[in-house]
Amino acid sequence: MNNIAIDHNQPHHVLLVFRANADAQTNGSILKERSAYYQDLKEKGKIMLSGNFWSLSEAFAIVRVTCAADLEEIIDNDPALNQNIFELKRVMAFTPEHDAITFSQADPYQLDQYA
């Protein structure tokens, strides 16, 4: 794995890791809305892969964005994040190059900007 700085104003991918908020009441309608939201993003080519980890309390999405503003829009419109059912635990930018993944060592995406 190579560590290089990624230009967040150029197309790149971002791994988002979510965790269920233990204090939140699970709301089935919000979860269905979230599922539809991510399906729509998949159909638009913005989601490469998404799903749950082994524990259903954690989920991930790999998104394709053209700039940092695209990522902010995806995060800002996530129904489960907006209702505090999930919280964003990790944001990691990367670029897939050839058969390797290049992660940003100096990743300017900071979780507190999405709080």
Protein backbone atom coordinates (compact mmCIF):
# COMPACT_ATOMS: atom_id res chain seq x y z
CA MET A 1 0.00 0.00 0.00
CA ASN A 2 1.36 3.39 -0.98
CA ASN A 3 0.85 6.49 1.13
CA ILE A 4 0.48 9.70 -0.85
CA ALA A 5 -1.51 12.89 -0.51
CA ILE A 6 -4.76 12.87 -2.47
CA ASP A 7 -6.08 15.98 -4.17
CA HIS A 8 -9.61 16.15 -2.79
CA ASN A 9 -10.60 18.51 -5.60
CA GLN A 10 -10.05 15.71 -8.11
CA PRO A 11 -12.09 12.50 -8.51
CA HIS A 12 -11.33 9.92 -5.83
CA HIS A 13 -12.99 7.30 -3.64
CA VAL A 14 -13.83 7.52 0.04
CA LEU A 15 -14.47 4.75 2.54
CA LEU A 16 -17.16 5.75 5.04
CA VAL A 17 -17.55 3.67 8.19
CA PHE A 18 -20.72 4.04 10.26
CA ARG A 19 -21.67 2.72 13.67
CA ALA A 20 -25.16 2.46 15.10
CA ASN A 21 -25.71 4.98 17.86
CA ALA A 22 -26.37 2.88 20.97
CA ASP A 23 -28.55 5.62 22.48
CA ALA A 24 -30.77 6.03 19.42
CA GLN A 25 -34.16 4.42 19.00
CA THR A 26 -34.12 2.23 15.89
CA ASN A 27 -36.57 3.64 13.38
CA GLY A 28 -37.54 1.23 10.62
CA SER A 29 -38.86 3.94 8.32
CA ILE A 30 -35.61 5.92 8.55
CA LEU A 31 -33.59 2.77 7.83
CA LYS A 32 -35.76 2.06 4.77
CA GLU A 33 -35.31 5.66 3.66
CA ARG A 34 -31.54 5.28 4.10
CA SER A 35 -31.53 2.07 2.09
CA ALA A 36 -33.42 3.80 -0.74
CA TYR A 37 -31.02 6.77 -0.54
CA TYR A 38 -27.96 4.54 -0.96
CA GLN A 39 -29.66 2.52 -3.71
CA ASP A 40 -30.30 5.76 -5.60
CA LEU A 41 -26.63 6.75 -5.17
CA LYS A 42 -25.61 3.30 -6.46
CA GLU A 43 -27.77 3.72 -9.54
CA LYS A 44 -26.14 7.12 -10.15
CA GLY A 45 -22.69 5.51 -9.95
CA LYS A 46 -21.69 7.28 -6.72
CA ILE A 47 -21.63 4.17 -4.51
CA MET A 48 -19.15 1.49 -5.45
CA LEU A 49 -19.96 -0.90 -2.60
CA SER A 50 -21.89 -0.75 0.65
CA GLY A 51 -23.09 -3.09 3.36
CA ASN A 52 -22.70 -4.20 6.95
CA PHE A 53 -19.68 -5.54 8.72
CA TRP A 54 -19.94 -8.78 10.67
CA SER A 55 -21.75 -6.88 13.36
CA LEU A 56 -24.99 -5.34 12.16
CA SER A 57 -24.17 -2.32 14.30
CA GLU A 58 -21.46 -1.24 11.84
CA ALA A 59 -21.79 -0.46 8.15
CA PHE A 60 -19.64 0.92 5.35
CA ALA A 61 -19.91 2.59 1.97
CA ILE A 62 -17.28 3.21 -0.67
CA VAL A 63 -18.27 6.32 -2.56
CA ARG A 64 -16.90 7.85 -5.75
CA VAL A 65 -16.72 11.65 -5.59
CA THR A 66 -15.36 14.32 -7.89
CA CYS A 67 -14.54 16.75 -5.07
CA ALA A 68 -14.92 17.27 -1.33
CA ALA A 69 -18.28 19.01 -1.84
CA ASP A 70 -19.71 15.79 -3.34
CA LEU A 71 -18.75 13.90 -0.21
CA GLU A 72 -20.27 16.55 2.05
CA GLU A 73 -23.54 16.33 0.08
CA ILE A 74 -23.67 12.53 0.44
CA ILE A 75 -23.04 12.71 4.19
CA ASP A 76 -25.38 15.66 4.77
CA ASN A 77 -28.27 13.84 3.09
CA ASP A 78 -27.91 10.46 4.84
CA PRO A 79 -31.24 10.01 6.67
CA ALA A 80 -29.80 7.81 9.45
CA LEU A 81 -26.98 10.27 10.16
CA ASN A 82 -29.46 13.15 10.23
CA GLN A 83 -31.61 11.30 12.78
CA ASN A 84 -28.59 10.18 14.87
CA ILE A 85 -29.39 6.50 14.29
CA PHE A 86 -25.89 6.04 12.85
CA GLU A 87 -22.76 8.03 13.48
CA LEU A 88 -19.85 8.44 11.10
CA LYS A 89 -16.79 6.76 12.60
CA ARG A 90 -14.20 6.94 9.81
CA VAL A 91 -13.67 8.80 6.55
CA MET A 92 -10.73 7.57 4.47
CA ALA A 93 -9.92 8.83 0.97
CA PHE A 94 -8.19 6.61 -1.55
CA THR A 95 -7.55 6.24 -5.25
CA PRO A 96 -7.62 2.87 -6.94
CA GLU A 97 -4.66 2.78 -9.28
CA HIS A 98 -4.04 -0.26 -11.41
CA ASP A 99 -4.27 -3.25 -9.05
CA ALA A 100 -3.39 -1.36 -5.87
CA ILE A 101 -5.12 1.07 -3.58
CA THR A 102 -3.38 4.30 -2.67
CA PHE A 103 -4.52 5.78 0.63
CA SER A 104 -4.02 9.36 1.62
CA GLN A 105 -1.53 9.65 4.45
CA ALA A 106 -2.43 13.27 5.15
CA ASP A 107 -6.18 12.90 4.82
CA PRO A 108 -7.83 16.31 5.28
CA TYR A 109 -11.26 14.80 5.88
CA GLN A 110 -11.86 15.32 9.57
CA LEU A 111 -14.79 13.70 11.34
CA ASP A 112 -15.55 16.80 13.41
CA GLN A 113 -16.52 18.71 10.28
CA TYR A 114 -19.47 16.30 9.88
CA ALA A 115 -20.64 16.52 13.49
